[in-house]
Amino acid sequence: MNNYYDILLFLHVISFVFMSVPLFNLIVVNERVALGSAFNYSVDRYMENIIKHGSYRCFVFQLTILVTGLLLLVTGPLGIAKLFSNWILITKTIWLFVLTGMLSYGHCYIQPRIESLMTEFGPESKIPDDLVARLKPFRVRRKKMATFCLFSVISLVILGLQVYDRFDSVLTIILIALAGLFSLRVNKTLIRFGWL
């Protein structure tokens, strides 16, 4: 039984690690910005494919987190009743559903709008002059959402570390504030050297 719990815990934690999709999407977007604002079909199509397909992966990781989290409660020392009485578990669960809702919005509303604008032409077609301006509102909204998702994932990890043993509340607030600052930094700059 102990091995089963350890495997569930591993799958739960590794799924959070793999939910770093917002971080890497922001890096991809900022790398694209470094190439200039002119539309380049091959580069922009490649970037959109990375972002679009990342949503499917993230849905699977979020589902894995939900299922393994519930199984950890059922089979572990806390019990399923803690889901309704432990504020950290309640917060993590609600936040996971918020993330899933945001991912669904991005995948079902924003990305199809971008795709519809990009499928009007092919690699050999003349690019409309106003294409960048028409794409920009959707890309800006998606980038803001990715920034919030990155902040959320880091915050969920901070809370997840405290399910069994709580940090000092001031430390928790400081760590979550640093998560917010890091997320804003990733939104605004190309972090070439990780934390630096």
N, C-alpha and C. Protein backbone atom coordinates (compact mmCIF):
# COMPACT_ATOMS: atom_id res chain seq x y z
N MET A 1 0.83 -1.20 0.00
CA MET A 1 0.00 0.00 0.00
C MET A 1 0.87 1.25 0.00
N ASN A 2 2.01 1.22 0.71
CA ASN A 2 2.90 2.36 0.77
C ASN A 2 3.45 2.70 -0.61
N ASN A 3 3.80 1.67 -1.40
CA ASN A 3 4.29 1.91 -2.76
C ASN A 3 3.22 2.57 -3.62
N TYR A 4 1.99 2.14 -3.47
CA TYR A 4 0.87 2.71 -4.22
C TYR A 4 0.73 4.20 -3.90
N TYR A 5 0.79 4.56 -2.65
CA TYR A 5 0.69 5.96 -2.22
C TYR A 5 1.87 6.76 -2.78
N ASP A 6 3.07 6.20 -2.71
CA ASP A 6 4.26 6.88 -3.22
C ASP A 6 4.17 7.12 -4.73
N ILE A 7 3.63 6.15 -5.45
CA ILE A 7 3.47 6.31 -6.91
C ILE A 7 2.45 7.41 -7.20
N LEU A 8 1.35 7.42 -6.45
CA LEU A 8 0.35 8.48 -6.61
C LEU A 8 0.96 9.85 -6.34
N LEU A 9 1.75 9.93 -5.27
CA LEU A 9 2.38 11.19 -4.90
C LEU A 9 3.34 11.65 -6.00
N PHE A 10 4.10 10.71 -6.54
CA PHE A 10 5.02 11.04 -7.64
C PHE A 10 4.25 11.57 -8.85
N LEU A 11 3.18 10.86 -9.24
CA LEU A 11 2.39 11.30 -10.40
C LEU A 11 1.75 12.66 -10.15
N HIS A 12 1.33 12.90 -8.93
CA HIS A 12 0.72 14.18 -8.57
C HIS A 12 1.74 15.32 -8.71
N VAL A 13 2.92 15.11 -8.16
CA VAL A 13 3.96 16.15 -8.18
C VAL A 13 4.51 16.35 -9.59
N ILE A 14 4.77 15.27 -10.31
CA ILE A 14 5.36 15.40 -11.65
C ILE A 14 4.37 16.06 -12.60
N SER A 15 3.09 15.89 -12.37
CA SER A 15 2.09 16.57 -13.21
C SER A 15 2.14 18.08 -12.99
N PHE A 16 2.39 18.50 -11.76
CA PHE A 16 2.59 19.94 -11.50
C PHE A 16 3.82 20.45 -12.23
N VAL A 17 4.88 19.65 -12.21
CA VAL A 17 6.11 20.05 -12.92
C VAL A 17 5.81 20.21 -14.41
N PHE A 18 5.06 19.27 -14.97
CA PHE A 18 4.76 19.32 -16.40
C PHE A 18 3.76 20.44 -16.73
N MET A 19 3.09 20.97 -15.72
CA MET A 19 2.19 22.10 -15.97
C MET A 19 2.96 23.41 -16.10
N SER A 20 4.25 23.32 -16.34
CA SER A 20 5.05 24.52 -16.58
C SER A 20 4.84 25.05 -17.99
N VAL A 21 3.82 24.54 -18.66
CA VAL A 21 3.48 24.99 -20.01
C VAL A 21 3.36 26.51 -20.09
N PRO A 22 2.69 27.20 -19.13
CA PRO A 22 2.62 28.67 -19.25
C PRO A 22 3.99 29.34 -19.27
N LEU A 23 4.92 28.82 -18.49
CA LEU A 23 6.27 29.39 -18.49
C LEU A 23 6.88 29.29 -19.87
N PHE A 24 6.82 28.11 -20.45
CA PHE A 24 7.47 27.91 -21.74
C PHE A 24 6.71 28.58 -22.88
N ASN A 25 5.39 28.70 -22.75
CA ASN A 25 4.65 29.47 -23.75
C ASN A 25 5.04 30.94 -23.72
N LEU A 26 5.22 31.48 -22.51
CA LEU A 26 5.66 32.88 -22.40
C LEU A 26 7.07 33.05 -22.97
N ILE A 27 7.93 32.08 -22.75
CA ILE A 27 9.27 32.13 -23.33
C ILE A 27 9.19 32.10 -24.85
N VAL A 28 8.37 31.22 -25.40
CA VAL A 28 8.21 31.13 -26.86
C VAL A 28 7.70 32.45 -27.41
N VAL A 29 6.68 33.03 -26.77
CA VAL A 29 6.11 34.29 -27.24
C VAL A 29 7.15 35.40 -27.18
N ASN A 30 7.94 35.46 -26.11
CA ASN A 30 8.96 36.50 -26.00
C ASN A 30 10.11 36.27 -26.99
N GLU A 31 10.42 35.02 -27.29
CA GLU A 31 11.41 34.73 -28.34
C GLU A 31 10.89 35.24 -29.69
N ARG A 32 9.58 35.05 -29.92
CA ARG A 32 8.98 35.52 -31.18
C ARG A 32 9.06 37.04 -31.26
N VAL A 33 8.78 37.73 -30.17
CA VAL A 33 8.85 39.20 -30.14
C VAL A 33 10.26 39.67 -30.47
N ALA A 34 11.26 38.91 -30.02
CA ALA A 34 12.66 39.28 -30.29
C ALA A 34 12.98 39.27 -31.79
N LEU A 35 12.16 38.58 -32.58
CA LEU A 35 12.37 38.53 -34.03
C LEU A 35 11.77 39.72 -34.77
N GLY A 36 11.03 40.55 -34.06
CA GLY A 36 10.41 41.72 -34.69
C GLY A 36 8.91 41.55 -34.82
N SER A 37 8.25 42.65 -35.16
CA SER A 37 6.79 42.62 -35.17
C SER A 37 6.19 42.19 -36.51
N ALA A 38 6.99 42.15 -37.56
CA ALA A 38 6.46 41.75 -38.87
C ALA A 38 6.02 40.28 -38.84
N PHE A 39 4.90 40.00 -39.49
CA PHE A 39 4.37 38.64 -39.51
C PHE A 39 5.22 37.77 -40.42
N ASN A 40 5.61 36.60 -39.92
CA ASN A 40 6.37 35.62 -40.69
C ASN A 40 5.58 34.32 -40.60
N TYR A 41 5.02 33.89 -41.73
CA TYR A 41 4.10 32.76 -41.70
C TYR A 41 4.70 31.54 -41.02
N SER A 42 5.89 31.14 -41.42
CA SER A 42 6.48 29.92 -40.87
C SER A 42 6.73 30.03 -39.37
N VAL A 43 7.28 31.15 -38.94
CA VAL A 43 7.59 31.34 -37.53
C VAL A 43 6.30 31.42 -36.71
N ASP A 44 5.34 32.23 -37.19
CA ASP A 44 4.10 32.39 -36.45
C ASP A 44 3.26 31.12 -36.43
N ARG A 45 3.26 30.38 -37.52
CA ARG A 45 2.53 29.11 -37.55
C ARG A 45 3.15 28.12 -36.58
N TYR A 46 4.48 28.07 -36.55
CA TYR A 46 5.19 27.17 -35.64
C TYR A 46 4.87 27.52 -34.18
N MET A 47 4.93 28.83 -33.87
CA MET A 47 4.63 29.27 -32.50
C MET A 47 3.19 28.91 -32.12
N GLU A 48 2.25 29.17 -33.01
CA GLU A 48 0.85 28.86 -32.71
C GLU A 48 0.64 27.37 -32.53
N ASN A 49 1.32 26.54 -33.30
CA ASN A 49 1.20 25.09 -33.13
C ASN A 49 1.69 24.64 -31.76
N ILE A 50 2.81 25.22 -31.30
CA ILE A 50 3.34 24.88 -29.98
C ILE A 50 2.31 25.23 -28.91
N ILE A 51 1.77 26.44 -28.99
CA ILE A 51 0.82 26.90 -27.97
C ILE A 51 -0.48 26.09 -28.03
N LYS A 52 -0.99 25.89 -29.25
CA LYS A 52 -2.26 25.17 -29.40
C LYS A 52 -2.16 23.74 -28.86
N HIS A 53 -1.09 23.04 -29.19
CA HIS A 53 -0.97 21.65 -28.76
C HIS A 53 -0.62 21.54 -27.27
N GLY A 54 -0.05 22.61 -26.70
CA GLY A 54 0.23 22.61 -25.27
C GLY A 54 -1.02 22.52 -24.43
N SER A 55 -2.14 23.02 -24.95
CA SER A 55 -3.40 22.98 -24.20
C SER A 55 -3.82 21.54 -23.93
N TYR A 56 -3.69 20.67 -24.93
CA TYR A 56 -4.09 19.27 -24.73
C TYR A 56 -3.26 18.64 -23.63
N ARG A 57 -1.97 18.91 -23.65
CA ARG A 57 -1.09 18.34 -22.62
C ARG A 57 -1.52 18.85 -21.23
N CYS A 58 -1.80 20.14 -21.17
CA CYS A 58 -2.14 20.73 -19.88
C CYS A 58 -3.45 20.16 -19.33
N PHE A 59 -4.43 19.91 -20.21
CA PHE A 59 -5.67 19.28 -19.77
C PHE A 59 -5.39 17.93 -19.13
N VAL A 60 -4.51 17.14 -19.76
CA VAL A 60 -4.17 15.81 -19.23
C VAL A 60 -3.47 15.94 -17.88
N PHE A 61 -2.53 16.89 -17.77
CA PHE A 61 -1.83 17.07 -16.50
C PHE A 61 -2.79 17.54 -15.40
N GLN A 62 -3.70 18.43 -15.73
CA GLN A 62 -4.68 18.90 -14.74
C GLN A 62 -5.58 17.77 -14.29
N LEU A 63 -6.03 16.95 -15.21
CA LEU A 63 -6.87 15.80 -14.84
C LEU A 63 -6.08 14.84 -13.96
N THR A 64 -4.82 14.62 -14.30
CA THR A 64 -3.97 13.74 -13.49
C THR A 64 -3.82 14.28 -12.08
N ILE A 65 -3.64 15.60 -11.96
CA ILE A 65 -3.51 16.23 -10.64
C ILE A 65 -4.79 16.03 -9.83
N LEU A 66 -5.94 16.23 -10.46
CA LEU A 66 -7.21 16.07 -9.76
C LEU A 66 -7.40 14.63 -9.29
N VAL A 67 -7.21 13.68 -10.19
CA VAL A 67 -7.45 12.26 -9.85
C VAL A 67 -6.45 11.79 -8.80
N THR A 68 -5.16 12.08 -9.01
CA THR A 68 -4.17 11.61 -8.03
C THR A 68 -4.35 12.32 -6.68
N GLY A 69 -4.75 13.59 -6.72
CA GLY A 69 -5.01 14.31 -5.45
C GLY A 69 -6.12 13.66 -4.66
N LEU A 70 -7.21 13.32 -5.34
CA LEU A 70 -8.32 12.65 -4.66
C LEU A 70 -7.91 11.27 -4.14
N LEU A 71 -7.17 10.53 -4.96
CA LEU A 71 -6.71 9.20 -4.53
C LEU A 71 -5.73 9.30 -3.36
N LEU A 72 -4.90 10.34 -3.35
CA LEU A 72 -3.99 10.53 -2.22
C LEU A 72 -4.77 10.77 -0.93
N LEU A 73 -5.85 11.52 -1.04
CA LEU A 73 -6.67 11.75 0.15
C LEU A 73 -7.36 10.48 0.61
N VAL A 74 -7.92 9.73 -0.34
CA VAL A 74 -8.65 8.51 -0.01
C VAL A 74 -7.73 7.47 0.61
N THR A 75 -6.53 7.32 0.05
CA THR A 75 -5.64 6.25 0.51
C THR A 75 -4.61 6.70 1.54
N GLY A 76 -4.49 8.01 1.75
CA GLY A 76 -3.45 8.53 2.63
C GLY A 76 -3.94 8.80 4.04
N PRO A 77 -3.07 9.41 4.82
CA PRO A 77 -3.37 9.64 6.24
C PRO A 77 -4.41 10.74 6.48
N LEU A 78 -4.62 11.64 5.53
CA LEU A 78 -5.54 12.74 5.77
C LEU A 78 -7.00 12.33 5.64
N GLY A 79 -7.31 11.52 4.65
CA GLY A 79 -8.70 11.13 4.42
C GLY A 79 -9.44 12.15 3.56
N ILE A 80 -10.45 11.71 2.86
CA ILE A 80 -11.19 12.55 1.92
C ILE A 80 -11.92 13.69 2.62
N ALA A 81 -12.27 13.51 3.90
CA ALA A 81 -12.99 14.57 4.63
C ALA A 81 -12.16 15.84 4.74
N LYS A 82 -10.82 15.72 4.69
CA LYS A 82 -9.95 16.90 4.78
C LYS A 82 -10.12 17.82 3.58
N LEU A 83 -10.64 17.29 2.49
CA LEU A 83 -10.88 18.12 1.31
C LEU A 83 -11.87 19.24 1.63
N PHE A 84 -12.69 19.03 2.63
CA PHE A 84 -13.72 20.01 2.98
C PHE A 84 -13.39 20.79 4.26
N SER A 85 -12.27 20.45 4.93
CA SER A 85 -11.95 21.15 6.18
C SER A 85 -10.55 21.76 6.20
N ASN A 86 -9.68 21.35 5.29
CA ASN A 86 -8.32 21.86 5.24
C ASN A 86 -8.26 22.99 4.22
N TRP A 87 -8.00 24.23 4.68
CA TRP A 87 -8.08 25.39 3.79
C TRP A 87 -7.10 25.31 2.63
N ILE A 88 -5.96 24.67 2.84
CA ILE A 88 -4.99 24.54 1.75
C ILE A 88 -5.55 23.63 0.67
N LEU A 89 -6.13 22.51 1.06
CA LEU A 89 -6.71 21.59 0.07
C LEU A 89 -7.90 22.22 -0.65
N ILE A 90 -8.70 22.95 0.09
CA ILE A 90 -9.85 23.64 -0.52
C ILE A 90 -9.34 24.66 -1.55
N THR A 91 -8.35 25.46 -1.16
CA THR A 91 -7.79 26.48 -2.04
C THR A 91 -7.17 25.85 -3.28
N LYS A 92 -6.38 24.80 -3.08
CA LYS A 92 -5.75 24.12 -4.22
C LYS A 92 -6.79 23.57 -5.19
N THR A 93 -7.84 23.00 -4.67
CA THR A 93 -8.88 22.41 -5.52
C THR A 93 -9.61 23.48 -6.31
N ILE A 94 -10.01 24.55 -5.64
CA ILE A 94 -10.71 25.63 -6.34
C ILE A 94 -9.80 26.25 -7.39
N TRP A 95 -8.54 26.48 -7.02
CA TRP A 95 -7.58 27.09 -7.94
C TRP A 95 -7.35 26.19 -9.15
N LEU A 96 -7.32 24.88 -8.95
CA LEU A 96 -7.17 23.97 -10.08
C LEU A 96 -8.35 24.09 -11.03
N PHE A 97 -9.56 24.21 -10.50
CA PHE A 97 -10.73 24.38 -11.36
C PHE A 97 -10.72 25.72 -12.09
N VAL A 98 -10.20 26.75 -11.42
CA VAL A 98 -10.06 28.06 -12.09
C VAL A 98 -9.07 27.93 -13.25
N LEU A 99 -7.95 27.25 -13.02
CA LEU A 99 -6.97 27.05 -14.09
C LEU A 99 -7.57 26.27 -15.26
N THR A 100 -8.33 25.24 -14.94
CA THR A 100 -8.97 24.45 -16.00
C THR A 100 -9.95 25.31 -16.78
N GLY A 101 -10.70 26.16 -16.08
CA GLY A 101 -11.62 27.07 -16.76
C GLY A 101 -10.89 28.05 -17.67
N MET A 102 -9.78 28.60 -17.19
CA MET A 102 -9.00 29.53 -18.00
C MET A 102 -8.41 28.83 -19.22
N LEU A 103 -7.90 27.62 -19.01
CA LEU A 103 -7.34 26.86 -20.12
C LEU A 103 -8.43 26.56 -21.15
N SER A 104 -9.61 26.21 -20.67
CA SER A 104 -10.74 25.94 -21.57
C SER A 104 -11.11 27.18 -22.37
N TYR A 105 -11.15 28.33 -21.70
CA TYR A 105 -11.45 29.59 -22.38
C TYR A 105 -10.42 29.89 -23.46
N GLY A 106 -9.15 29.76 -23.10
CA GLY A 106 -8.09 30.00 -24.08
C GLY A 106 -8.15 29.03 -25.24
N HIS A 107 -8.40 27.77 -24.93
CA HIS A 107 -8.41 26.73 -25.96
C HIS A 107 -9.66 26.79 -26.84
N CYS A 108 -10.79 27.09 -26.23
CA CYS A 108 -12.07 27.04 -26.98
C CYS A 108 -12.51 28.39 -27.54
N TYR A 109 -11.95 29.49 -27.04
CA TYR A 109 -12.36 30.80 -27.53
C TYR A 109 -11.21 31.57 -28.20
N ILE A 110 -10.12 31.77 -27.47
CA ILE A 110 -9.04 32.61 -28.01
C ILE A 110 -8.31 31.91 -29.15
N GLN A 111 -7.86 30.67 -28.93
CA GLN A 111 -7.08 29.99 -29.95
C GLN A 111 -7.85 29.80 -31.26
N PRO A 112 -9.13 29.43 -31.23
CA PRO A 112 -9.87 29.33 -32.51
C PRO A 112 -9.94 30.66 -33.26
N ARG A 113 -10.00 31.79 -32.53
CA ARG A 113 -10.03 33.10 -33.20
C ARG A 113 -8.70 33.34 -33.92
N ILE A 114 -7.62 33.00 -33.25
CA ILE A 114 -6.29 33.15 -33.87
C ILE A 114 -6.17 32.22 -35.07
N GLU A 115 -6.61 30.98 -34.89
CA GLU A 115 -6.53 30.01 -36.00
C GLU A 115 -7.35 30.46 -37.20
N SER A 116 -8.54 31.01 -36.95
CA SER A 116 -9.39 31.43 -38.07
C SER A 116 -8.73 32.57 -38.85
N LEU A 117 -8.01 33.44 -38.16
CA LEU A 117 -7.31 34.53 -38.85
C LEU A 117 -6.12 33.99 -39.65
N MET A 118 -5.47 32.97 -39.13
CA MET A 118 -4.27 32.46 -39.79
C MET A 118 -4.57 31.48 -40.91
N THR A 119 -5.75 30.87 -40.91
CA THR A 119 -6.07 29.92 -41.97
C THR A 119 -6.64 30.59 -43.21
N GLU A 120 -6.74 31.92 -43.20
CA GLU A 120 -7.22 32.64 -44.37
C GLU A 120 -6.20 32.63 -45.50
N PHE A 121 -4.97 32.23 -45.19
CA PHE A 121 -3.90 32.26 -46.19
C PHE A 121 -2.90 31.16 -45.89
N GLY A 122 -1.99 30.92 -46.81
CA GLY A 122 -0.96 29.91 -46.64
C GLY A 122 0.42 30.52 -46.70
N PRO A 123 1.46 29.67 -46.71
CA PRO A 123 2.82 30.19 -46.69
C PRO A 123 3.18 31.02 -47.93
N GLU A 124 2.52 30.75 -49.04
CA GLU A 124 2.84 31.47 -50.27
C GLU A 124 1.91 32.65 -50.51
N SER A 125 0.90 32.80 -49.70
CA SER A 125 -0.09 33.87 -49.90
C SER A 125 0.47 35.23 -49.49
N LYS A 126 -0.14 36.25 -50.02
CA LYS A 126 0.20 37.61 -49.59
C LYS A 126 -0.46 37.82 -48.22
N ILE A 127 0.33 38.27 -47.28
CA ILE A 127 -0.16 38.48 -45.92
C ILE A 127 -0.89 39.83 -45.87
N PRO A 128 -2.13 39.84 -45.37
CA PRO A 128 -2.85 41.12 -45.26
C PRO A 128 -2.11 42.10 -44.34
N ASP A 129 -2.14 43.36 -44.71
CA ASP A 129 -1.44 44.39 -43.93
C ASP A 129 -1.95 44.50 -42.50
N ASP A 130 -3.22 44.23 -42.31
CA ASP A 130 -3.80 44.41 -40.97
C ASP A 130 -3.82 43.13 -40.13
N LEU A 131 -3.16 42.08 -40.60
CA LEU A 131 -3.21 40.81 -39.88
C LEU A 131 -2.63 40.91 -38.47
N VAL A 132 -1.48 41.54 -38.33
CA VAL A 132 -0.85 41.66 -37.02
C VAL A 132 -1.77 42.41 -36.06
N ALA A 133 -2.40 43.46 -36.56
CA ALA A 133 -3.32 44.24 -35.72
C ALA A 133 -4.54 43.42 -35.32
N ARG A 134 -5.02 42.54 -36.20
CA ARG A 134 -6.18 41.71 -35.86
C ARG A 134 -5.80 40.58 -34.91
N LEU A 135 -4.58 40.08 -35.00
CA LEU A 135 -4.12 39.02 -34.10
C LEU A 135 -3.78 39.54 -32.71
N LYS A 136 -3.30 40.77 -32.64
CA LYS A 136 -2.75 41.31 -31.40
C LYS A 136 -3.69 41.23 -30.20
N PRO A 137 -4.97 41.63 -30.29
CA PRO A 137 -5.82 41.57 -29.08
C PRO A 137 -5.94 40.16 -28.50
N PHE A 138 -6.02 39.16 -29.37
CA PHE A 138 -6.13 37.78 -28.89
C PHE A 138 -4.82 37.30 -28.28
N ARG A 139 -3.71 37.65 -28.91
CA ARG A 139 -2.40 37.25 -28.39
C ARG A 139 -2.10 37.95 -27.07
N VAL A 140 -2.46 39.21 -26.94
CA VAL A 140 -2.23 39.93 -25.68
C VAL A 140 -3.05 39.31 -24.55
N ARG A 141 -4.32 39.01 -24.83
CA ARG A 141 -5.18 38.40 -23.80
C ARG A 141 -4.63 37.03 -23.40
N ARG A 142 -4.20 36.26 -24.39
CA ARG A 142 -3.65 34.93 -24.10
C ARG A 142 -2.38 35.04 -23.28
N LYS A 143 -1.55 36.03 -23.56
CA LYS A 143 -0.31 36.20 -22.80
C LYS A 143 -0.60 36.58 -21.36
N LYS A 144 -1.59 37.44 -21.15
CA LYS A 144 -1.98 37.80 -19.77
C LYS A 144 -2.49 36.57 -19.02
N MET A 145 -3.29 35.76 -19.71
CA MET A 145 -3.80 34.54 -19.07
C MET A 145 -2.67 33.58 -18.74
N ALA A 146 -1.69 33.44 -19.64
CA ALA A 146 -0.56 32.55 -19.38
C ALA A 146 0.24 33.04 -18.19
N THR A 147 0.36 34.36 -18.04
CA THR A 147 1.07 34.93 -16.89
C THR A 147 0.34 34.58 -15.60
N PHE A 148 -0.99 34.74 -15.59
CA PHE A 148 -1.75 34.38 -14.40
C PHE A 148 -1.67 32.88 -14.13
N CYS A 149 -1.70 32.07 -15.18
CA CYS A 149 -1.60 30.61 -15.01
C CYS A 149 -0.24 30.23 -14.42
N LEU A 150 0.83 30.88 -14.89
CA LEU A 150 2.15 30.60 -14.33
C LEU A 150 2.19 30.96 -12.85
N PHE A 151 1.68 32.13 -12.51
CA PHE A 151 1.59 32.53 -11.10
C PHE A 151 0.79 31.50 -10.31
N SER A 152 -0.30 31.03 -10.87
CA SER A 152 -1.17 30.06 -10.18
C SER A 152 -0.45 28.75 -9.95
N VAL A 153 0.25 28.25 -10.95
CA VAL A 153 0.95 26.97 -10.81
C VAL A 153 2.02 27.08 -9.73
N ILE A 154 2.80 28.17 -9.74
CA ILE A 154 3.83 28.34 -8.71
C ILE A 154 3.18 28.44 -7.33
N SER A 155 2.09 29.19 -7.23
CA SER A 155 1.38 29.33 -5.95
C SER A 155 0.82 28.00 -5.47
N LEU A 156 0.30 27.21 -6.39
CA LEU A 156 -0.21 25.89 -6.02
C LEU A 156 0.90 24.98 -5.51
N VAL A 157 2.08 25.09 -6.09
CA VAL A 157 3.22 24.31 -5.59
C VAL A 157 3.57 24.76 -4.17
N ILE A 158 3.58 26.09 -3.96
CA ILE A 158 3.86 26.62 -2.62
C ILE A 158 2.86 26.08 -1.61
N LEU A 159 1.58 26.08 -1.96
CA LEU A 159 0.55 25.55 -1.05
C LEU A 159 0.67 24.04 -0.92
N GLY A 160 0.97 23.36 -2.01
CA GLY A 160 1.09 21.91 -1.97
C GLY A 160 2.17 21.43 -1.02
N LEU A 161 3.22 22.21 -0.90
CA LEU A 161 4.29 21.86 0.04
C LEU A 161 3.84 21.95 1.49
N GLN A 162 2.68 22.57 1.71
CA GLN A 162 2.21 22.81 3.07
C GLN A 162 1.00 21.96 3.47
N VAL A 163 0.69 20.95 2.71
CA VAL A 163 -0.46 20.11 3.03
C VAL A 163 -0.26 19.43 4.38
N TYR A 164 0.95 18.94 4.65
CA TYR A 164 1.21 18.22 5.89
C TYR A 164 1.89 19.08 6.96
N ASP A 165 2.71 20.01 6.53
CA ASP A 165 3.47 20.82 7.49
C ASP A 165 3.47 22.26 6.99
N ARG A 166 2.79 23.14 7.71
CA ARG A 166 2.60 24.53 7.27
C ARG A 166 3.86 25.36 7.44
N PHE A 167 4.07 26.26 6.47
CA PHE A 167 5.10 27.28 6.59
C PHE A 167 4.56 28.39 7.48
N ASP A 168 5.45 29.25 7.93
CA ASP A 168 5.03 30.47 8.59
C ASP A 168 4.18 31.26 7.59
N SER A 169 3.09 31.86 8.03
CA SER A 169 2.18 32.54 7.11
C SER A 169 2.85 33.72 6.41
N VAL A 170 3.78 34.40 7.09
CA VAL A 170 4.51 35.50 6.45
C VAL A 170 5.37 34.96 5.31
N LEU A 171 6.02 33.83 5.53
CA LEU A 171 6.83 33.21 4.48
C LEU A 171 5.96 32.82 3.29
N THR A 172 4.79 32.27 3.56
CA THR A 172 3.88 31.90 2.47
C THR A 172 3.50 33.12 1.64
N ILE A 173 3.18 34.21 2.31
CA ILE A 173 2.81 35.44 1.60
C ILE A 173 3.98 35.96 0.77
N ILE A 174 5.18 35.92 1.35
CA ILE A 174 6.37 36.38 0.63
C ILE A 174 6.62 35.51 -0.60
N LEU A 175 6.52 34.19 -0.44
CA LEU A 175 6.75 33.28 -1.57
C LEU A 175 5.73 33.49 -2.68
N ILE A 176 4.47 33.69 -2.31
CA ILE A 176 3.44 33.93 -3.32
C ILE A 176 3.65 35.28 -3.99
N ALA A 177 4.10 36.28 -3.24
CA ALA A 177 4.42 37.58 -3.84
C ALA A 177 5.59 37.43 -4.82
N LEU A 178 6.60 36.66 -4.45
CA LEU A 178 7.73 36.41 -5.36
C LEU A 178 7.28 35.65 -6.61
N ALA A 179 6.33 34.74 -6.44
CA ALA A 179 5.77 34.03 -7.60
C ALA A 179 5.11 35.03 -8.55
N GLY A 180 4.40 36.01 -7.99
CA GLY A 180 3.77 37.03 -8.81
C GLY A 180 4.79 37.89 -9.53
N LEU A 181 5.85 38.30 -8.82
CA LEU A 181 6.90 39.11 -9.44
C LEU A 181 7.62 38.34 -10.55
N PHE A 182 7.91 37.07 -10.28
CA PHE A 182 8.57 36.25 -11.30
C PHE A 182 7.67 36.09 -12.53
N SER A 183 6.39 35.87 -12.31
CA SER A 183 5.45 35.71 -13.44
C SER A 183 5.38 36.98 -14.27
N LEU A 184 5.34 38.13 -13.61
CA LEU A 184 5.33 39.41 -14.34
C LEU A 184 6.63 39.61 -15.12
N ARG A 185 7.74 39.21 -14.52
CA ARG A 185 9.03 39.33 -15.19
C ARG A 185 9.08 38.46 -16.45
N VAL A 186 8.58 37.23 -16.33
CA VAL A 186 8.56 36.33 -17.48
C VAL A 186 7.65 36.89 -18.58
N ASN A 187 6.57 37.57 -18.18
CA ASN A 187 5.67 38.19 -19.14
C ASN A 187 6.37 39.29 -19.93
N LYS A 188 7.19 40.07 -19.24
CA LYS A 188 7.77 41.27 -19.84
C LYS A 188 9.13 41.05 -20.50
N THR A 189 9.88 40.06 -20.05
CA THR A 189 11.25 39.91 -20.55
C THR A 189 11.51 38.48 -20.99
N LEU A 190 12.54 38.36 -21.79
CA LEU A 190 13.00 37.04 -22.23
C LEU A 190 14.03 36.58 -21.22
N ILE A 191 13.67 35.63 -20.39
CA ILE A 191 14.57 35.18 -19.32
C ILE A 191 15.56 34.17 -19.91
N ARG A 192 16.64 34.68 -20.39
CA ARG A 192 17.62 33.83 -21.08
C ARG A 192 18.36 32.89 -20.13
N PHE A 193 18.50 33.27 -18.87
CA PHE A 193 19.31 32.48 -17.95
C PHE A 193 18.49 32.05 -16.73
N GLY A 194 17.27 31.59 -16.96
CA GLY A 194 16.44 31.09 -15.87
C GLY A 194 16.04 32.19 -14.91
N TRP A 195 16.45 32.06 -13.66
CA TRP A 195 16.09 33.05 -12.63
C TRP A 195 16.71 34.40 -12.90
N LEU A 196 17.84 34.41 -13.57
CA LEU A 196 18.61 35.67 -13.76
C LEU A 196 18.02 36.54 -14.85
